[in-house]
Amino acid sequence: MQMPDGTPAEIDLSRPSAARVYDYFLGGAHNFEIDRQLAEQIASMTPNLAATMRSGREFLRRAVRVLLDAGIDQFLDIGSGIPTVGNVHEVAQAANPQARIVYVDIDPVAVAHSLELLAGNDRATAIRADLREPKLILDEARASGLIDFSRPVGILLAGVVHFIPDVDRPADILAALRAAAVPGSFLVISHSTFEDQPQEMLDAQRLSARTATEITLRSRAEITGFFGDWTILEPGVVHMPLWRPDSPSDVDEHPERFGAFGGVARHDRAAG
């Protein structure tokens, strides 16, 4: 069912959505006035936040290219948000037209627009699910026919795990996702942090409490723990611009200002 303006009835317009705020900062069109109001308030406190969002998207693109070079041709992108230019399927299928992608998001607007964007692309789809339900995500990904967990897969968690509070046991969720992957698979994570951050950035992050998905800031050590016993690729879990930049000129003097760590790990076969 839709409201008179065409918005799906299940969408709560009384609260801003993290996915739609993110879309606004990336220059997208899939957001509402309540989202723009919160985005502008956050931006007034942290003028470089749009650059932070773009830095996160650039980290994801670089990571996807590394996975492609390693032979990965199927991707499970959890917390994918609303489609914007340079999405995973565009990067992956430009390099390998046979690459398959399943996007997962909790926001019905994000999923609806993803499906609209992907119409006619039989190697990419989107499903609505909550990261806190990893079994459902895995089952739905299998049911799509696009993800074969008997083969190596790229699991992408870009800017989403920080929406899972400690009470929901994010380490257990990540362990369940890793357990479904065979050796040769990769895990990509970017996650907001309180380390090396000025007070105004921390204050802006706390405004996320006004959305349905409050952010939990974590340390580098906590974020590193989400990779379990998988082999973390060089240069490790670092501030996002420092993770394999395309050019040294892409890294400014203060890469920590973007407020998040990023890393990539590979599932290696156990010795013995």
Protein backbone atom coordinates (compact mmCIF):
# COMPACT_ATOMS: atom_id res chain seq x y z
CA MET A 1 0.00 0.00 0.00
CA GLN A 2 1.16 3.54 -0.74
CA MET A 3 0.32 6.91 0.73
CA PRO A 4 -1.14 9.57 -1.59
CA ASP A 5 2.34 10.93 -2.42
CA GLY A 6 3.53 7.50 -3.54
CA THR A 7 5.55 6.72 -0.42
CA PRO A 8 5.13 3.11 0.78
CA ALA A 9 2.80 3.05 3.79
CA GLU A 10 5.24 1.06 5.96
CA ILE A 11 7.80 3.89 5.88
CA ASP A 12 7.87 5.89 9.13
CA LEU A 13 8.17 9.55 8.19
CA SER A 14 7.99 10.69 11.82
CA ARG A 15 11.68 9.85 12.34
CA PRO A 16 14.71 10.36 10.11
CA SER A 17 16.30 7.30 8.57
CA ALA A 18 20.06 6.68 8.73
CA ALA A 19 20.03 5.30 5.17
CA ARG A 20 18.21 8.36 3.84
CA VAL A 21 20.49 10.76 5.74
CA TYR A 22 23.45 8.94 4.19
CA ASP A 23 21.83 9.24 0.77
CA TYR A 24 21.44 12.98 1.30
CA PHE A 25 25.12 13.42 2.16
CA LEU A 26 26.12 11.50 -0.97
CA GLY A 27 24.00 13.79 -3.12
CA GLY A 28 21.16 11.31 -3.66
CA ALA A 29 17.50 12.12 -4.21
CA HIS A 30 15.91 9.41 -2.05
CA ASN A 31 15.37 11.32 1.19
CA PHE A 32 12.68 13.35 2.91
CA GLU A 33 12.53 16.70 4.68
CA ILE A 34 12.89 15.12 8.11
CA ASP A 35 16.11 13.42 6.94
CA ARG A 36 17.47 16.64 5.44
CA GLN A 37 16.80 18.54 8.65
CA LEU A 38 18.86 16.09 10.70
CA ALA A 39 21.56 15.99 8.04
CA GLU A 40 21.87 19.77 8.06
CA GLN A 41 22.07 19.83 11.85
CA ILE A 42 24.83 17.23 11.80
CA ALA A 43 26.62 19.07 8.99
CA SER A 44 26.56 22.32 10.97
CA MET A 45 28.55 20.56 13.68
CA THR A 46 30.86 18.63 11.35
CA PRO A 47 31.28 20.47 8.03
CA ASN A 48 33.41 17.66 6.55
CA LEU A 49 30.80 14.95 7.10
CA ALA A 50 29.86 14.69 3.42
CA ALA A 51 33.55 14.10 2.70
CA THR A 52 33.52 11.42 5.38
CA MET A 53 30.64 9.66 3.65
CA ARG A 54 32.45 9.82 0.33
CA SER A 55 35.61 8.48 1.96
CA GLY A 56 33.64 5.46 3.15
CA ARG A 57 32.27 4.85 -0.33
CA GLU A 58 35.76 5.14 -1.83
CA PHE A 59 37.12 2.64 0.70
CA LEU A 60 34.40 0.18 -0.31
CA ARG A 61 35.17 0.60 -4.01
CA ARG A 62 38.88 -0.03 -3.43
CA ALA A 63 38.12 -3.11 -1.33
CA VAL A 64 35.76 -4.52 -3.97
CA ARG A 65 38.47 -4.11 -6.61
CA VAL A 66 40.93 -6.01 -4.41
CA LEU A 67 38.40 -8.84 -4.02
CA LEU A 68 37.81 -8.91 -7.77
CA ASP A 69 41.55 -9.21 -8.35
CA ALA A 70 41.53 -12.17 -5.93
CA GLY A 71 38.92 -13.92 -8.07
CA ILE A 72 35.76 -13.13 -6.07
CA ASP A 73 32.72 -12.98 -8.35
CA GLN A 74 29.86 -12.94 -5.82
CA PHE A 75 29.20 -10.30 -3.19
CA LEU A 76 26.82 -10.07 -0.22
CA ASP A 77 26.54 -6.36 0.63
CA ILE A 78 24.81 -6.00 4.01
CA GLY A 79 23.65 -2.54 5.02
CA SER A 80 23.93 -1.37 1.43
CA GLY A 81 21.71 1.69 1.87
CA ILE A 82 20.09 3.58 -0.99
CA PRO A 83 21.71 3.24 -4.43
CA THR A 84 24.08 6.01 -5.47
CA VAL A 85 26.67 6.26 -8.23
CA GLY A 86 29.48 3.75 -7.84
CA ASN A 87 27.55 0.99 -6.10
CA VAL A 88 29.08 -2.46 -5.71
CA HIS A 89 27.34 -3.97 -8.73
CA GLU A 90 28.62 -1.16 -10.96
CA VAL A 91 32.22 -1.62 -9.78
CA ALA A 92 32.08 -5.42 -9.84
CA GLN A 93 30.25 -5.89 -13.13
CA ALA A 94 32.42 -3.32 -14.91
CA ALA A 95 35.37 -5.62 -14.19
CA ASN A 96 33.47 -8.92 -14.46
CA PRO A 97 30.06 -8.84 -16.19
CA GLN A 98 29.29 -12.23 -14.63
CA ALA A 99 29.70 -10.95 -11.06
CA ARG A 100 26.65 -11.45 -8.84
CA ILE A 101 25.55 -9.14 -6.03
CA VAL A 102 22.90 -9.36 -3.33
CA TYR A 103 22.22 -6.13 -1.50
CA VAL A 104 20.70 -6.29 1.99
CA ASP A 105 19.17 -3.42 3.94
CA ILE A 106 16.64 -2.95 6.72
CA ASP A 107 15.16 0.25 5.22
CA PRO A 108 12.22 -0.42 2.87
CA VAL A 109 13.02 2.75 0.91
CA ALA A 110 16.59 1.55 0.31
CA VAL A 111 15.37 -1.85 -0.87
CA ALA A 112 12.62 -0.43 -3.08
CA HIS A 113 14.98 1.95 -4.84
CA SER A 114 17.61 -0.78 -5.17
CA LEU A 115 15.13 -3.06 -6.91
CA GLU A 116 14.08 -0.21 -9.19
CA LEU A 117 17.70 0.50 -10.08
CA LEU A 118 18.47 -3.18 -10.67
CA ALA A 119 15.48 -3.87 -12.92
CA GLY A 120 16.76 -5.83 -15.90
CA ASN A 121 19.99 -6.86 -14.16
CA ASP A 122 19.56 -10.59 -13.56
CA ARG A 123 22.83 -10.84 -11.64
CA ALA A 124 21.93 -8.41 -8.86
CA THR A 125 19.04 -8.03 -6.44
CA ALA A 126 18.13 -6.56 -3.07
CA ILE A 127 16.47 -8.10 -0.04
CA ARG A 128 15.08 -6.52 3.11
CA ALA A 129 16.58 -7.95 6.28
CA ASP A 130 18.14 -6.92 9.57
CA LEU A 131 21.83 -7.60 10.24
CA ARG A 132 20.73 -8.93 13.62
CA GLU A 133 19.17 -11.87 11.77
CA PRO A 134 22.19 -13.41 10.03
CA LYS A 135 20.46 -16.75 9.39
CA LEU A 136 17.63 -15.00 7.55
CA ILE A 137 20.14 -13.04 5.48
CA LEU A 138 22.04 -16.18 4.55
CA ASP A 139 18.84 -18.08 3.73
CA GLU A 140 17.47 -15.23 1.59
CA ALA A 141 20.79 -14.82 -0.20
CA ARG A 142 20.79 -18.53 -1.07
CA ALA A 143 17.15 -18.37 -2.15
CA SER A 144 17.95 -15.53 -4.55
CA GLY A 145 19.99 -18.00 -6.60
CA LEU A 146 22.80 -15.46 -6.86
CA ILE A 147 24.99 -16.49 -3.91
CA ASP A 148 26.55 -19.96 -3.70
CA PHE A 149 28.13 -20.37 -0.28
CA SER A 150 30.00 -23.48 -1.43
CA ARG A 151 32.24 -21.05 -3.33
CA PRO A 152 34.26 -18.07 -2.02
CA VAL A 153 32.17 -14.98 -1.41
CA GLY A 154 32.85 -11.37 -0.53
CA ILE A 155 30.88 -10.28 2.56
CA LEU A 156 30.67 -6.49 2.71
CA LEU A 157 29.78 -4.67 5.94
CA ALA A 158 30.54 -1.06 5.09
CA GLY A 159 29.31 1.38 7.70
CA VAL A 160 26.70 -0.93 9.20
CA VAL A 161 28.07 -2.86 12.21
CA HIS A 162 28.21 0.35 14.24
CA PHE A 163 24.39 0.36 14.12
CA ILE A 164 24.36 -2.84 16.20
CA PRO A 165 24.55 -2.08 19.94
CA ASP A 166 26.60 -4.27 22.25
CA VAL A 167 23.44 -5.73 23.76
CA ASP A 168 22.69 -7.38 20.40
CA ARG A 169 26.07 -9.18 20.47
CA PRO A 170 27.59 -8.01 17.17
CA ALA A 171 30.56 -10.37 17.56
CA ASP A 172 28.19 -13.34 17.48
CA ILE A 173 26.46 -11.95 14.38
CA LEU A 174 29.79 -11.60 12.59
CA ALA A 175 30.80 -15.10 13.67
CA ALA A 176 27.62 -16.52 12.12
CA LEU A 177 28.34 -14.78 8.82
CA ARG A 178 31.96 -15.93 8.79
CA ALA A 179 30.89 -19.50 9.56
CA ALA A 180 28.82 -19.61 6.36
CA ALA A 181 31.81 -18.76 4.16
CA VAL A 182 34.31 -21.22 2.70
CA PRO A 183 38.08 -20.66 2.58
CA GLY A 184 39.00 -18.10 -0.02
CA SER A 185 36.18 -15.80 1.07
CA PHE A 186 36.74 -12.20 2.17
CA LEU A 187 35.19 -9.93 4.79
CA VAL A 188 35.17 -6.12 4.40
CA ILE A 189 34.31 -3.89 7.37
CA SER A 190 34.29 -0.14 7.90
CA HIS A 191 33.15 1.12 11.30
CA SER A 192 32.91 4.47 13.09
CA THR A 193 35.26 5.06 16.00
CA PHE A 194 35.79 7.39 18.94
CA GLU A 195 39.57 7.07 18.66
CA ASP A 196 41.45 10.19 17.51
CA GLN A 197 38.18 12.13 17.21
CA PRO A 198 37.47 15.73 18.28
CA GLN A 199 34.57 16.35 20.60
CA GLU A 200 32.41 17.92 17.89
CA MET A 201 32.61 14.71 15.85
CA LEU A 202 31.56 12.65 18.85
CA ASP A 203 28.66 15.01 19.49
CA ALA A 204 27.52 14.72 15.88
CA GLN A 205 27.69 10.94 16.01
CA ARG A 206 25.43 10.98 19.05
CA LEU A 207 22.76 12.75 17.01
CA SER A 208 22.23 9.37 15.40
CA ALA A 209 20.18 8.56 18.49
CA ARG A 210 17.40 10.55 16.81
CA THR A 211 17.17 7.95 14.06
CA ALA A 212 15.91 4.41 14.48
CA THR A 213 19.52 3.23 14.16
CA GLU A 214 21.78 4.75 16.79
CA ILE A 215 25.53 4.50 16.21
CA THR A 216 27.84 2.70 18.65
CA LEU A 217 31.40 4.00 18.35
CA ARG A 218 34.09 1.36 18.92
CA SER A 219 37.85 1.11 19.25
CA ARG A 220 40.25 -0.23 16.66
CA ALA A 221 40.74 -3.33 18.83
CA GLU A 222 37.00 -4.00 19.00
CA ILE A 223 36.61 -3.57 15.24
CA THR A 224 39.59 -5.81 14.57
CA GLY A 225 37.93 -8.49 16.71
CA PHE A 226 35.01 -8.67 14.26
CA PHE A 227 37.31 -10.35 11.73
CA GLY A 228 37.77 -13.34 14.06
CA ASP A 229 40.65 -15.60 13.07
CA TRP A 230 40.60 -14.59 9.40
CA THR A 231 43.84 -13.19 7.94
CA ILE A 232 43.74 -9.39 7.88
CA LEU A 233 45.24 -7.96 4.70
CA GLU A 234 47.87 -5.23 4.75
CA PRO A 235 47.86 -2.47 5.85
CA GLY A 236 45.57 -3.79 8.60
CA VAL A 237 42.63 -2.06 10.23
CA VAL A 238 43.38 1.60 9.58
CA HIS A 239 41.69 4.95 9.07
CA MET A 240 39.78 4.52 5.81
CA PRO A 241 41.86 6.78 3.53
CA LEU A 242 44.98 4.83 4.54
CA TRP A 243 43.63 1.52 3.25
CA ARG A 244 45.39 1.02 -0.09
CA PRO A 245 44.79 4.50 -1.54
CA ASP A 246 44.84 4.76 -5.32
CA SER A 247 47.46 7.49 -5.01
CA PRO A 248 49.45 8.97 -2.11
CA SER A 249 47.86 12.30 -3.02
CA ASP A 250 44.48 10.85 -2.04
CA VAL A 251 45.53 10.87 1.64
CA ASP A 252 45.51 14.23 3.38
CA GLU A 253 47.47 15.17 6.49
CA HIS A 254 44.69 14.09 8.84
CA PRO A 255 43.14 10.80 7.64
CA GLU A 256 41.74 10.27 11.13
CA ARG A 257 39.30 13.16 10.59
CA PHE A 258 36.95 10.83 8.71
CA GLY A 259 36.14 9.05 11.96
CA ALA A 260 36.18 5.42 10.88
CA PHE A 261 38.46 2.43 10.51
CA GLY A 262 38.40 0.05 7.56
CA GLY A 263 39.87 -3.37 6.96
CA VAL A 264 39.67 -6.49 4.81
CA ALA A 265 40.31 -10.08 5.87
CA ARG A 266 40.60 -13.40 4.04
CA HIS A 267 39.39 -16.80 5.21
CA ASP A 268 42.44 -19.04 4.85
CA ARG A 269 42.25 -22.80 5.07
CA ALA A 270 43.44 -24.06 8.44
CA ALA A 271 46.81 -25.80 8.37
CA GLY A 272 47.05 -29.47 9.13
